[in-house]
Amino acid sequence: MNLIKDTESAMKVRAMKELNEMLSSNSDRACYGPKAVDVAHELMAIETLLITDDLFRSGDAVLRQKYIGLVDSVKKSEGKVLVFSSTHISGEKLAQLTGIAAILRFPLPDIEEMEL
């Protein structure tokens, strides 16, 4: 079990590293924040969804249902979902980026300015 946990933890650390690299060098292939992730989701652009457990298990029932639906939808579209523990360093770093981010399948220039 510890080996599995270590592997999952390493995968999350790699995903955060990839997200940060994308944001700095190829920002059209990554996004963060609820609005940008919603836009990317509507365009079926999410390859990997990164979300903190605080959002995924929110005490606000409406918010929790929104994120559960998002996770299910990303999985159905063959995307990868990584739920980060808010007590782990990678989860803390993700929380600093609003708690939700995505690595995209294809570039979406100016995603923050897009409206659906």
PDB file of N, CA and C in Angstrom:
ATOM      1  N   MET A   1       0.818  -1.203   0.000  1.00  0.00           N
ATOM      2  CA  MET A   1       0.000   0.000   0.000  1.00  0.00           C
ATOM      3  C   MET A   1       0.863   1.269   0.000  1.00  0.00           C
ATOM      4  N   ASN A   2       1.951   1.252   0.760  1.00  0.00           N
ATOM      5  CA  ASN A   2       2.823   2.429   0.798  1.00  0.00           C
ATOM      6  C   ASN A   2       3.432   2.710  -0.562  1.00  0.00           C
ATOM      7  N   LEU A   3       3.763   1.649  -1.307  1.00  0.00           N
ATOM      8  CA  LEU A   3       4.317   1.816  -2.641  1.00  0.00           C
ATOM      9  C   LEU A   3       3.297   2.474  -3.564  1.00  0.00           C
ATOM     10  N   ILE A   4       2.048   2.048  -3.472  1.00  0.00           N
ATOM     11  CA  ILE A   4       0.979   2.649  -4.277  1.00  0.00           C
ATOM     12  C   ILE A   4       0.799   4.108  -3.898  1.00  0.00           C
ATOM     13  N   LYS A   5       0.788   4.393  -2.609  1.00  0.00           N
ATOM     14  CA  LYS A   5       0.625   5.764  -2.141  1.00  0.00           C
ATOM     15  C   LYS A   5       1.781   6.644  -2.620  1.00  0.00           C
ATOM     16  N   ASP A   6       3.009   6.122  -2.538  1.00  0.00           N
ATOM     17  CA  ASP A   6       4.178   6.866  -3.005  1.00  0.00           C
ATOM     18  C   ASP A   6       4.085   7.140  -4.504  1.00  0.00           C
ATOM     19  N   THR A   7       3.623   6.164  -5.267  1.00  0.00           N
ATOM     20  CA  THR A   7       3.480   6.325  -6.708  1.00  0.00           C
ATOM     21  C   THR A   7       2.432   7.387  -7.023  1.00  0.00           C
ATOM     22  N   GLU A   8       1.309   7.351  -6.316  1.00  0.00           N
ATOM     23  CA  GLU A   8       0.253   8.343  -6.529  1.00  0.00           C
ATOM     24  C   GLU A   8       0.754   9.734  -6.153  1.00  0.00           C
ATOM     25  N   SER A   9       1.456   9.824  -5.069  1.00  0.00           N
ATOM     26  CA  SER A   9       2.009  11.100  -4.631  1.00  0.00           C
ATOM     27  C   SER A   9       3.004  11.632  -5.658  1.00  0.00           C
ATOM     28  N   ALA A  10       3.864  10.767  -6.162  1.00  0.00           N
ATOM     29  CA  ALA A  10       4.840  11.176  -7.177  1.00  0.00           C
ATOM     30  C   ALA A  10       4.140  11.638  -8.449  1.00  0.00           C
ATOM     31  N   MET A  11       3.047  10.958  -8.822  1.00  0.00           N
ATOM     32  CA  MET A  11       2.296  11.340 -10.013  1.00  0.00           C
ATOM     33  C   MET A  11       1.714  12.748  -9.848  1.00  0.00           C
ATOM     34  N   LYS A  12       1.232  13.060  -8.654  1.00  0.00           N
ATOM     35  CA  LYS A  12       0.659  14.384  -8.395  1.00  0.00           C
ATOM     36  C   LYS A  12       1.742  15.461  -8.415  1.00  0.00           C
ATOM     37  N   VAL A  13       2.896  15.146  -7.851  1.00  0.00           N
ATOM     38  CA  VAL A  13       4.010  16.095  -7.879  1.00  0.00           C
ATOM     39  C   VAL A  13       4.431  16.359  -9.326  1.00  0.00           C
ATOM     40  N   ARG A  14       4.499  15.300 -10.145  1.00  0.00           N
ATOM     41  CA  ARG A  14       4.849  15.468 -11.567  1.00  0.00           C
ATOM     42  C   ARG A  14       3.791  16.312 -12.291  1.00  0.00           C
ATOM     43  N   ALA A  15       2.523  16.080 -11.981  1.00  0.00           N
ATOM     44  CA  ALA A  15       1.453  16.851 -12.626  1.00  0.00           C
ATOM     45  C   ALA A  15       1.554  18.331 -12.257  1.00  0.00           C
ATOM     46  N   MET A  16       1.859  18.623 -10.997  1.00  0.00           N
ATOM     47  CA  MET A  16       2.023  20.020 -10.592  1.00  0.00           C
ATOM     48  C   MET A  16       3.221  20.652 -11.293  1.00  0.00           C
ATOM     49  N   LYS A  17       4.291  19.883 -11.428  1.00  0.00           N
ATOM     50  CA  LYS A  17       5.475  20.388 -12.127  1.00  0.00           C
ATOM     51  C   LYS A  17       5.130  20.677 -13.589  1.00  0.00           C
ATOM     52  N   GLU A  18       4.417  19.748 -14.226  1.00  0.00           N
ATOM     53  CA  GLU A  18       4.008  19.938 -15.619  1.00  0.00           C
ATOM     54  C   GLU A  18       3.103  21.159 -15.756  1.00  0.00           C
ATOM     55  N   LEU A  19       2.153  21.324 -14.833  1.00  0.00           N
ATOM     56  CA  LEU A  19       1.264  22.481 -14.859  1.00  0.00           C
ATOM     57  C   LEU A  19       2.066  23.770 -14.763  1.00  0.00           C
ATOM     58  N   ASN A  20       2.980  23.836 -13.816  1.00  0.00           N
ATOM     59  CA  ASN A  20       3.789  25.046 -13.645  1.00  0.00           C
ATOM     60  C   ASN A  20       4.640  25.339 -14.873  1.00  0.00           C
ATOM     61  N   GLU A  21       5.209  24.289 -15.465  1.00  0.00           N
ATOM     62  CA  GLU A  21       6.002  24.484 -16.688  1.00  0.00           C
ATOM     63  C   GLU A  21       5.122  24.994 -17.820  1.00  0.00           C
ATOM     64  N   MET A  22       3.927  24.425 -17.950  1.00  0.00           N
ATOM     65  CA  MET A  22       3.002  24.868 -19.002  1.00  0.00           C
ATOM     66  C   MET A  22       2.605  26.321 -18.786  1.00  0.00           C
ATOM     67  N   LEU A  23       2.297  26.669 -17.552  1.00  0.00           N
ATOM     68  CA  LEU A  23       1.885  28.041 -17.268  1.00  0.00           C
ATOM     69  C   LEU A  23       2.978  29.043 -17.582  1.00  0.00           C
ATOM     70  N   SER A  24       4.240  28.643 -17.409  1.00  0.00           N
ATOM     71  CA  SER A  24       5.329  29.582 -17.662  1.00  0.00           C
ATOM     72  C   SER A  24       5.826  29.571 -19.105  1.00  0.00           C
ATOM     73  N   SER A  25       5.738  28.422 -19.784  1.00  0.00           N
ATOM     74  CA  SER A  25       6.326  28.359 -21.122  1.00  0.00           C
ATOM     75  C   SER A  25       5.323  28.171 -22.258  1.00  0.00           C
ATOM     76  N   ASN A  26       4.163  27.625 -21.960  1.00  0.00           N
ATOM     77  CA  ASN A  26       3.162  27.330 -22.993  1.00  0.00           C
ATOM     78  C   ASN A  26       1.782  27.528 -22.386  1.00  0.00           C
ATOM     79  N   SER A  27       1.501  28.761 -21.962  1.00  0.00           N
ATOM     80  CA  SER A  27       0.308  29.041 -21.160  1.00  0.00           C
ATOM     81  C   SER A  27      -1.010  28.747 -21.866  1.00  0.00           C
ATOM     82  N   ASP A  28      -0.995  28.581 -23.180  1.00  0.00           N
ATOM     83  CA  ASP A  28      -2.227  28.228 -23.905  1.00  0.00           C
ATOM     84  C   ASP A  28      -2.643  26.787 -23.653  1.00  0.00           C
ATOM     85  N   ARG A  29      -1.774  25.987 -23.041  1.00  0.00           N
ATOM     86  CA  ARG A  29      -2.048  24.562 -22.783  1.00  0.00           C
ATOM     87  C   ARG A  29      -2.367  24.268 -21.328  1.00  0.00           C
ATOM     88  N   ALA A  30      -2.581  25.301 -20.517  1.00  0.00           N
ATOM     89  CA  ALA A  30      -2.919  25.099 -19.110  1.00  0.00           C
ATOM     90  C   ALA A  30      -3.765  26.268 -18.631  1.00  0.00           C
ATOM     91  N   CYS A  31      -4.562  26.000 -17.608  1.00  0.00           N
ATOM     92  CA  CYS A  31      -5.366  27.068 -17.033  1.00  0.00           C
ATOM     93  C   CYS A  31      -5.634  26.750 -15.566  1.00  0.00           C
ATOM     94  N   TYR A  32      -6.054  27.764 -14.829  1.00  0.00           N
ATOM     95  CA  TYR A  32      -6.441  27.556 -13.442  1.00  0.00           C
ATOM     96  C   TYR A  32      -7.527  28.548 -13.084  1.00  0.00           C
ATOM     97  N   GLY A  33      -8.250  28.203 -12.028  1.00  0.00           N
ATOM     98  CA  GLY A  33      -9.370  29.020 -11.592  1.00  0.00           C
ATOM     99  C   GLY A  33     -10.674  28.444 -12.102  1.00  0.00           C
ATOM    100  N   PRO A  34     -11.741  28.604 -11.329  1.00  0.00           N
ATOM    101  CA  PRO A  34     -13.024  27.999 -11.693  1.00  0.00           C
ATOM    102  C   PRO A  34     -13.545  28.416 -13.072  1.00  0.00           C
ATOM    103  N   LYS A  35     -13.469  29.698 -13.395  1.00  0.00           N
ATOM    104  CA  LYS A  35     -14.014  30.179 -14.665  1.00  0.00           C
ATOM    105  C   LYS A  35     -13.246  29.592 -15.856  1.00  0.00           C
ATOM    106  N   ALA A  36     -11.921  29.662 -15.816  1.00  0.00           N
ATOM    107  CA  ALA A  36     -11.104  29.155 -16.921  1.00  0.00           C
ATOM    108  C   ALA A  36     -11.272  27.647 -17.082  1.00  0.00           C
ATOM    109  N   VAL A  37     -11.318  26.917 -15.966  1.00  0.00           N
ATOM    110  CA  VAL A  37     -11.499  25.466 -16.036  1.00  0.00           C
ATOM    111  C   VAL A  37     -12.884  25.127 -16.588  1.00  0.00           C
ATOM    112  N   ASP A  38     -13.902  25.890 -16.203  1.00  0.00           N
ATOM    113  CA  ASP A  38     -15.252  25.666 -16.756  1.00  0.00           C
ATOM    114  C   ASP A  38     -15.272  25.862 -18.272  1.00  0.00           C
ATOM    115  N   VAL A  39     -14.604  26.902 -18.747  1.00  0.00           N
ATOM    116  CA  VAL A  39     -14.536  27.158 -20.191  1.00  0.00           C
ATOM    117  C   VAL A  39     -13.824  26.005 -20.891  1.00  0.00           C
ATOM    118  N   ALA A  40     -12.681  25.596 -20.352  1.00  0.00           N
ATOM    119  CA  ALA A  40     -11.930  24.479 -20.941  1.00  0.00           C
ATOM    120  C   ALA A  40     -12.770  23.201 -20.948  1.00  0.00           C
ATOM    121  N   HIS A  41     -13.535  22.982 -19.893  1.00  0.00           N
ATOM    122  CA  HIS A  41     -14.387  21.801 -19.814  1.00  0.00           C
ATOM    123  C   HIS A  41     -15.474  21.839 -20.885  1.00  0.00           C
ATOM    124  N   GLU A  42     -16.100  22.979 -21.046  1.00  0.00           N
ATOM    125  CA  GLU A  42     -17.158  23.115 -22.058  1.00  0.00           C
ATOM    126  C   GLU A  42     -16.623  22.854 -23.463  1.00  0.00           C
ATOM    127  N   LEU A  43     -15.351  23.157 -23.677  1.00  0.00           N
ATOM    128  CA  LEU A  43     -14.725  22.941 -24.980  1.00  0.00           C
ATOM    129  C   LEU A  43     -14.078  21.561 -25.091  1.00  0.00           C
ATOM    130  N   MET A  44     -14.284  20.714 -24.068  1.00  0.00           N
ATOM    131  CA  MET A  44     -13.734  19.348 -24.026  1.00  0.00           C
ATOM    132  C   MET A  44     -12.215  19.351 -24.173  1.00  0.00           C
ATOM    133  N   ALA A  45     -11.569  20.333 -23.561  1.00  0.00           N
ATOM    134  CA  ALA A  45     -10.129  20.507 -23.715  1.00  0.00           C
ATOM    135  C   ALA A  45      -9.309  19.949 -22.556  1.00  0.00           C
ATOM    136  N   ILE A  46      -9.952  19.463 -21.500  1.00  0.00           N
ATOM    137  CA  ILE A  46      -9.203  19.044 -20.320  1.00  0.00           C
ATOM    138  C   ILE A  46      -8.613  17.647 -20.492  1.00  0.00           C
ATOM    139  N   GLU A  47      -7.296  17.599 -20.443  1.00  0.00           N
ATOM    140  CA  GLU A  47      -6.573  16.322 -20.467  1.00  0.00           C
ATOM    141  C   GLU A  47      -6.385  15.813 -19.037  1.00  0.00           C
ATOM    142  N   THR A  48      -5.956  16.715 -18.139  1.00  0.00           N
ATOM    143  CA  THR A  48      -5.758  16.371 -16.735  1.00  0.00           C
ATOM    144  C   THR A  48      -6.357  17.469 -15.864  1.00  0.00           C
ATOM    145  N   LEU A  49      -7.270  17.077 -14.994  1.00  0.00           N
ATOM    146  CA  LEU A  49      -7.886  18.001 -14.039  1.00  0.00           C
ATOM    147  C   LEU A  49      -7.182  17.835 -12.706  1.00  0.00           C
ATOM    148  N   LEU A  50      -6.767  18.940 -12.124  1.00  0.00           N
ATOM    149  CA  LEU A  50      -6.134  18.941 -10.812  1.00  0.00           C
ATOM    150  C   LEU A  50      -7.067  19.703  -9.882  1.00  0.00           C
ATOM    151  N   ILE A  51      -7.480  19.077  -8.790  1.00  0.00           N
ATOM    152  CA  ILE A  51      -8.431  19.697  -7.875  1.00  0.00           C
ATOM    153  C   ILE A  51      -8.068  19.327  -6.438  1.00  0.00           C
ATOM    154  N   THR A  52      -8.232  20.272  -5.531  1.00  0.00           N
ATOM    155  CA  THR A  52      -7.955  19.982  -4.124  1.00  0.00           C
ATOM    156  C   THR A  52      -9.141  19.271  -3.491  1.00  0.00           C
ATOM    157  N   ASP A  53      -8.858  18.478  -2.478  1.00  0.00           N
ATOM    158  CA  ASP A  53      -9.939  17.790  -1.776  1.00  0.00           C
ATOM    159  C   ASP A  53     -10.866  18.769  -1.072  1.00  0.00           C
ATOM    160  N   ASP A  54     -10.360  19.965  -0.724  1.00  0.00           N
ATOM    161  CA  ASP A  54     -11.221  20.973  -0.103  1.00  0.00           C
ATOM    162  C   ASP A  54     -12.373  21.363  -1.028  1.00  0.00           C
ATOM    163  N   LEU A  55     -12.101  21.510  -2.320  1.00  0.00           N
ATOM    164  CA  LEU A  55     -13.164  21.835  -3.269  1.00  0.00           C
ATOM    165  C   LEU A  55     -14.036  20.620  -3.558  1.00  0.00           C
ATOM    166  N   PHE A  56     -13.380  19.493  -3.786  1.00  0.00           N
ATOM    167  CA  PHE A  56     -14.093  18.265  -4.156  1.00  0.00           C
ATOM    168  C   PHE A  56     -15.008  17.773  -3.041  1.00  0.00           C
ATOM    169  N   ARG A  57     -14.651  18.071  -1.797  1.00  0.00           N
ATOM    170  CA  ARG A  57     -15.453  17.630  -0.653  1.00  0.00           C
ATOM    171  C   ARG A  57     -16.000  18.822   0.123  1.00  0.00           C
ATOM    172  N   SER A  58     -16.322  19.880  -0.581  1.00  0.00           N
ATOM    173  CA  SER A  58     -16.797  21.115   0.030  1.00  0.00           C
ATOM    174  C   SER A  58     -18.034  20.885   0.907  1.00  0.00           C
ATOM    175  N   GLY A  59     -18.137  21.669   1.967  1.00  0.00           N
ATOM    176  CA  GLY A  59     -19.316  21.633   2.831  1.00  0.00           C
ATOM    177  C   GLY A  59     -20.535  22.255   2.166  1.00  0.00           C
ATOM    178  N   ASP A  60     -20.309  23.071   1.149  1.00  0.00           N
ATOM    179  CA  ASP A  60     -21.393  23.682   0.375  1.00  0.00           C
ATOM    180  C   ASP A  60     -21.891  22.641  -0.630  1.00  0.00           C
ATOM    181  N   ALA A  61     -23.111  22.154  -0.435  1.00  0.00           N
ATOM    182  CA  ALA A  61     -23.645  21.058  -1.251  1.00  0.00           C
ATOM    183  C   ALA A  61     -23.683  21.398  -2.744  1.00  0.00           C
ATOM    184  N   VAL A  62     -24.043  22.613  -3.082  1.00  0.00           N
ATOM    185  CA  VAL A  62     -24.116  23.017  -4.490  1.00  0.00           C
ATOM    186  C   VAL A  62     -22.728  23.003  -5.120  1.00  0.00           C
ATOM    187  N   LEU A  63     -21.769  23.569  -4.416  1.00  0.00           N
ATOM    188  CA  LEU A  63     -20.393  23.598  -4.909  1.00  0.00           C
ATOM    189  C   LEU A  63     -19.836  22.179  -5.031  1.00  0.00           C
ATOM    190  N   ARG A  64     -20.099  21.359  -4.021  1.00  0.00           N
ATOM    191  CA  ARG A  64     -19.622  19.970  -4.052  1.00  0.00           C
ATOM    192  C   ARG A  64     -20.201  19.231  -5.247  1.00  0.00           C
ATOM    193  N   GLN A  65     -21.495  19.376  -5.506  1.00  0.00           N
ATOM    194  CA  GLN A  65     -22.131  18.714  -6.653  1.00  0.00           C
ATOM    195  C   GLN A  65     -21.542  19.197  -7.967  1.00  0.00           C
ATOM    196  N   LYS A  66     -21.237  20.495  -8.048  1.00  0.00           N
ATOM    197  CA  LYS A  66     -20.631  21.040  -9.263  1.00  0.00           C
ATOM    198  C   LYS A  66     -19.305  20.343  -9.554  1.00  0.00           C
ATOM    199  N   TYR A  67     -18.463  20.231  -8.533  1.00  0.00           N
ATOM    200  CA  TYR A  67     -17.150  19.635  -8.738  1.00  0.00           C
ATOM    201  C   TYR A  67     -17.213  18.120  -8.921  1.00  0.00           C
ATOM    202  N   ILE A  68     -18.141  17.459  -8.266  1.00  0.00           N
ATOM    203  CA  ILE A  68     -18.332  16.022  -8.496  1.00  0.00           C
ATOM    204  C   ILE A  68     -18.756  15.792  -9.943  1.00  0.00           C
ATOM    205  N   GLY A  69     -19.672  16.615 -10.440  1.00  0.00           N
ATOM    206  CA  GLY A  69     -20.111  16.520 -11.837  1.00  0.00           C
ATOM    207  C   GLY A  69     -18.971  16.789 -12.803  1.00  0.00           C
ATOM    208  N   LEU A  70     -18.142  17.773 -12.489  1.00  0.00           N
ATOM    209  CA  LEU A  70     -16.988  18.098 -13.334  1.00  0.00           C
ATOM    210  C   LEU A  70     -16.021  16.921 -13.391  1.00  0.00           C
ATOM    211  N   VAL A  71     -15.714  16.345 -12.240  1.00  0.00           N
ATOM    212  CA  VAL A  71     -14.796  15.199 -12.178  1.00  0.00           C
ATOM    213  C   VAL A  71     -15.354  14.035 -12.984  1.00  0.00           C
ATOM    214  N   ASP A  72     -16.633  13.724 -12.805  1.00  0.00           N
ATOM    215  CA  ASP A  72     -17.261  12.628 -13.556  1.00  0.00           C
ATOM    216  C   ASP A  72     -17.207  12.879 -15.058  1.00  0.00           C
ATOM    217  N   SER A  73     -17.494  14.111 -15.456  1.00  0.00           N
ATOM    218  CA  SER A  73     -17.506  14.459 -16.868  1.00  0.00           C
ATOM    219  C   SER A  73     -16.109  14.357 -17.487  1.00  0.00           C
ATOM    220  N   VAL A  74     -15.099  14.820 -16.775  1.00  0.00           N
ATOM    221  CA  VAL A  74     -13.723  14.736 -17.283  1.00  0.00           C
ATOM    222  C   VAL A  74     -13.318  13.266 -17.443  1.00  0.00           C
ATOM    223  N   LYS A  75     -13.681  12.441 -16.471  1.00  0.00           N
ATOM    224  CA  LYS A  75     -13.369  11.014 -16.565  1.00  0.00           C
ATOM    225  C   LYS A  75     -14.078  10.367 -17.751  1.00  0.00           C
ATOM    226  N   LYS A  76     -15.332  10.739 -17.985  1.00  0.00           N
ATOM    227  CA  LYS A  76     -16.093  10.171 -19.107  1.00  0.00           C
ATOM    228  C   LYS A  76     -15.505  10.571 -20.448  1.00  0.00           C
ATOM    229  N   SER A  77     -14.877  11.728 -20.492  1.00  0.00           N
ATOM    230  CA  SER A  77     -14.257  12.172 -21.748  1.00  0.00           C
ATOM    231  C   SER A  77     -12.802  11.707 -21.832  1.00  0.00           C
ATOM    232  N   GLU A  78     -12.472  10.694 -21.046  1.00  0.00           N
ATOM    233  CA  GLU A  78     -11.156  10.061 -21.037  1.00  0.00           C
ATOM    234  C   GLU A  78     -10.040  10.980 -20.560  1.00  0.00           C
ATOM    235  N   GLY A  79     -10.406  11.943 -19.721  1.00  0.00           N
ATOM    236  CA  GLY A  79      -9.410  12.780 -19.079  1.00  0.00           C
ATOM    237  C   GLY A  79      -8.965  12.147 -17.778  1.00  0.00           C
ATOM    238  N   LYS A  80      -7.867  12.639 -17.262  1.00  0.00           N
ATOM    239  CA  LYS A  80      -7.319  12.153 -16.001  1.00  0.00           C
ATOM    240  C   LYS A  80      -7.704  13.151 -14.911  1.00  0.00           C
ATOM    241  N   VAL A  81      -8.042  12.649 -13.726  1.00  0.00           N
ATOM    242  CA  VAL A  81      -8.395  13.503 -12.596  1.00  0.00           C
ATOM    243  C   VAL A  81      -7.481  13.175 -11.429  1.00  0.00           C
ATOM    244  N   LEU A  82      -6.898  14.207 -10.863  1.00  0.00           N
ATOM    245  CA  LEU A  82      -6.044  14.053  -9.691  1.00  0.00           C
ATOM    246  C   LEU A  82      -6.611  14.917  -8.562  1.00  0.00           C
ATOM    247  N   VAL A  83      -7.003  14.262  -7.468  1.00  0.00           N
ATOM    248  CA  VAL A  83      -7.517  14.975  -6.301  1.00  0.00           C
ATOM    249  C   VAL A  83      -6.364  15.096  -5.307  1.00  0.00           C
ATOM    250  N   PHE A  84      -5.997  16.329  -4.996  1.00  0.00           N
ATOM    251  CA  PHE A  84      -4.850  16.621  -4.143  1.00  0.00           C
ATOM    252  C   PHE A  84      -5.290  16.839  -2.698  1.00  0.00           C
ATOM    253  N   SER A  85      -4.558  16.247  -1.777  1.00  0.00           N
ATOM    254  CA  SER A  85      -4.802  16.473  -0.353  1.00  0.00           C
ATOM    255  C   SER A  85      -4.361  17.881   0.018  1.00  0.00           C
ATOM    256  N   SER A  86      -5.209  18.578   0.736  1.00  0.00           N
ATOM    257  CA  SER A  86      -4.871  19.940   1.140  1.00  0.00           C
ATOM    258  C   SER A  86      -3.763  19.954   2.191  1.00  0.00           C
ATOM    259  N   THR A  87      -3.438  18.785   2.751  1.00  0.00           N
ATOM    260  CA  THR A  87      -2.372  18.718   3.750  1.00  0.00           C
ATOM    261  C   THR A  87      -1.019  18.359   3.146  1.00  0.00           C
ATOM    262  N   HIS A  88      -0.993  18.011   1.863  1.00  0.00           N
ATOM    263  CA  HIS A  88       0.263  17.677   1.177  1.00  0.00           C
ATOM    264  C   HIS A  88       0.798  18.937   0.510  1.00  0.00           C
ATOM    265  N   ILE A  89       2.107  19.029   0.377  1.00  0.00           N
ATOM    266  CA  ILE A  89       2.733  20.225  -0.208  1.00  0.00           C
ATOM    267  C   ILE A  89       2.197  20.537  -1.605  1.00  0.00           C
ATOM    268  N   SER A  90       1.973  19.502  -2.427  1.00  0.00           N
ATOM    269  CA  SER A  90       1.458  19.751  -3.781  1.00  0.00           C
ATOM    270  C   SER A  90       0.024  20.273  -3.718  1.00  0.00           C
ATOM    271  N   GLY A  91      -0.763  19.800  -2.754  1.00  0.00           N
ATOM    272  CA  GLY A  91      -2.120  20.310  -2.573  1.00  0.00           C
ATOM    273  C   GLY A  91      -2.131  21.752  -2.093  1.00  0.00           C
ATOM    274  N   GLU A  92      -1.165  22.081  -1.245  1.00  0.00           N
ATOM    275  CA  GLU A  92      -1.043  23.466  -0.781  1.00  0.00           C
ATOM    276  C   GLU A  92      -0.701  24.393  -1.945  1.00  0.00           C
ATOM    277  N   LYS A  93       0.198  23.934  -2.822  1.00  0.00           N
ATOM    278  CA  LYS A  93       0.570  24.739  -3.987  1.00  0.00           C
ATOM    279  C   LYS A  93      -0.624  24.920  -4.923  1.00  0.00           C
ATOM    280  N   LEU A  94      -1.403  23.851  -5.113  1.00  0.00           N
ATOM    281  CA  LEU A  94      -2.593  23.952  -5.956  1.00  0.00           C
ATOM    282  C   LEU A  94      -3.615  24.893  -5.329  1.00  0.00           C
ATOM    283  N   ALA A  95      -3.757  24.840  -4.024  1.00  0.00           N
ATOM    284  CA  ALA A  95      -4.690  25.733  -3.328  1.00  0.00           C
ATOM    285  C   ALA A  95      -4.312  27.196  -3.554  1.00  0.00           C
ATOM    286  N   GLN A  96      -3.018  27.476  -3.681  1.00  0.00           N
ATOM    287  CA  GLN A  96      -2.575  28.842  -3.960  1.00  0.00           C
ATOM    288  C   GLN A  96      -3.011  29.299  -5.354  1.00  0.00           C
ATOM    289  N   LEU A  97      -3.284  28.333  -6.245  1.00  0.00           N
ATOM    290  CA  LEU A  97      -3.778  28.638  -7.599  1.00  0.00           C
ATOM    291  C   LEU A  97      -5.298  28.435  -7.668  1.00  0.00           C
ATOM    292  N   THR A  98      -6.002  28.742  -6.605  1.00  0.00           N
ATOM    293  CA  THR A  98      -7.463  28.657  -6.491  1.00  0.00           C
ATOM    294  C   THR A  98      -7.986  27.257  -6.206  1.00  0.00           C
ATOM    295  N   GLY A  99      -7.142  26.246  -6.182  1.00  0.00           N
ATOM    296  CA  GLY A  99      -7.588  24.892  -5.855  1.00  0.00           C
ATOM    297  C   GLY A  99      -8.030  24.059  -7.038  1.00  0.00           C
ATOM    298  N   ILE A 100      -8.061  24.659  -8.225  1.00  0.00           N
ATOM    299  CA  ILE A 100      -8.462  23.905  -9.416  1.00  0.00           C
ATOM    300  C   ILE A 100      -7.671  24.396 -10.624  1.00  0.00           C
ATOM    301  N   ALA A 101      -7.202  23.426 -11.412  1.00  0.00           N
ATOM    302  CA  ALA A 101      -6.406  23.749 -12.600  1.00  0.00           C
ATOM    303  C   ALA A 101      -6.558  22.618 -13.604  1.00  0.00           C
ATOM    304  N   ALA A 102      -6.114  22.875 -14.825  1.00  0.00           N
ATOM    305  CA  ALA A 102      -6.197  21.849 -15.859  1.00  0.00           C
ATOM    306  C   ALA A 102      -5.033  21.959 -16.821  1.00  0.00           C
ATOM    307  N   ILE A 103      -4.544  20.795 -17.212  1.00  0.00           N
ATOM    308  CA  ILE A 103      -3.599  20.686 -18.315  1.00  0.00           C
ATOM    309  C   ILE A 103      -4.465  20.319 -19.511  1.00  0.00           C
ATOM    310  N   LEU A 104      -4.301  21.042 -20.610  1.00  0.00           N
ATOM    311  CA  LEU A 104      -5.234  20.938 -21.735  1.00  0.00           C
ATOM    312  C   LEU A 104      -4.740  20.026 -22.846  1.00  0.00           C
ATOM    313  N   ARG A 105      -5.693  19.465 -23.558  1.00  0.00           N
ATOM    314  CA  ARG A 105      -5.399  18.591 -24.705  1.00  0.00           C
ATOM    315  C   ARG A 105      -4.864  19.385 -25.889  1.00  0.00           C
ATOM    316  N   PHE A 106      -5.334  20.596 -26.011  1.00  0.00           N
ATOM    317  CA  PHE A 106      -4.937  21.454 -27.131  1.00  0.00           C
ATOM    318  C   PHE A 106      -4.906  22.894 -26.637  1.00  0.00           C
ATOM    319  N   PRO A 107      -4.177  23.758 -27.318  1.00  0.00           N
ATOM    320  CA  PRO A 107      -4.057  25.148 -26.869  1.00  0.00           C
ATOM    321  C   PRO A 107      -5.383  25.898 -26.932  1.00  0.00           C
ATOM    322  N   LEU A 108      -5.611  26.707 -25.920  1.00  0.00           N
ATOM    323  CA  LEU A 108      -6.757  27.612 -25.879  1.00  0.00           C
ATOM    324  C   LEU A 108      -6.238  29.009 -25.560  1.00  0.00           C
ATOM    325  N   PRO A 109      -5.874  29.758 -26.596  1.00  0.00           N
ATOM    326  CA  PRO A 109      -5.355  31.104 -26.343  1.00  0.00           C
ATOM    327  C   PRO A 109      -6.432  31.987 -25.715  1.00  0.00           C
ATOM    328  N   ASP A 110      -6.041  32.837 -24.807  1.00  0.00           N
ATOM    329  CA  ASP A 110      -6.927  33.810 -24.170  1.00  0.00           C
ATOM    330  C   ASP A 110      -8.152  33.155 -23.537  1.00  0.00           C
ATOM    331  N   ILE A 111      -7.970  32.041 -22.862  1.00  0.00           N
ATOM    332  CA  ILE A 111      -9.089  31.319 -22.274  1.00  0.00           C
ATOM    333  C   ILE A 111      -9.860  32.157 -21.256  1.00  0.00           C
ATOM    334  N   GLU A 112      -9.169  33.024 -20.539  1.00  0.00           N
ATOM    335  CA  GLU A 112      -9.847  33.852 -19.534  1.00  0.00           C
ATOM    336  C   GLU A 112     -10.823  34.836 -20.185  1.00  0.00           C
ATOM    337  N   GLU A 113     -10.570  35.181 -21.443  1.00  0.00           N
ATOM    338  CA  GLU A 113     -11.422  36.152 -22.124  1.00  0.00           C
ATOM    339  C   GLU A 113     -12.579  35.501 -22.869  1.00  0.00           C
ATOM    340  N   MET A 114     -12.564  34.161 -23.005  1.00  0.00           N
ATOM    341  CA  MET A 114     -13.622  33.461 -23.718  1.00  0.00           C
ATOM    342  C   MET A 114     -14.898  33.438 -22.880  1.00  0.00           C
ATOM    343  N   GLU A 115     -16.024  33.516 -23.558  1.00  0.00           N
ATOM    344  CA  GLU A 115     -17.307  33.379 -22.886  1.00  0.00           C
ATOM    345  C   GLU A 115     -18.129  32.353 -23.611  1.00  0.00           C
ATOM    346  N   LEU A 116     -18.867  31.559 -22.841  1.00  0.00           N
ATOM    347  CA  LEU A 116     -19.715  30.520 -23.451  1.00  0.00           C
ATOM    348  C   LEU A 116     -21.129  31.002 -23.569  1.00  0.00           C
TER     349      LEU A 116
END
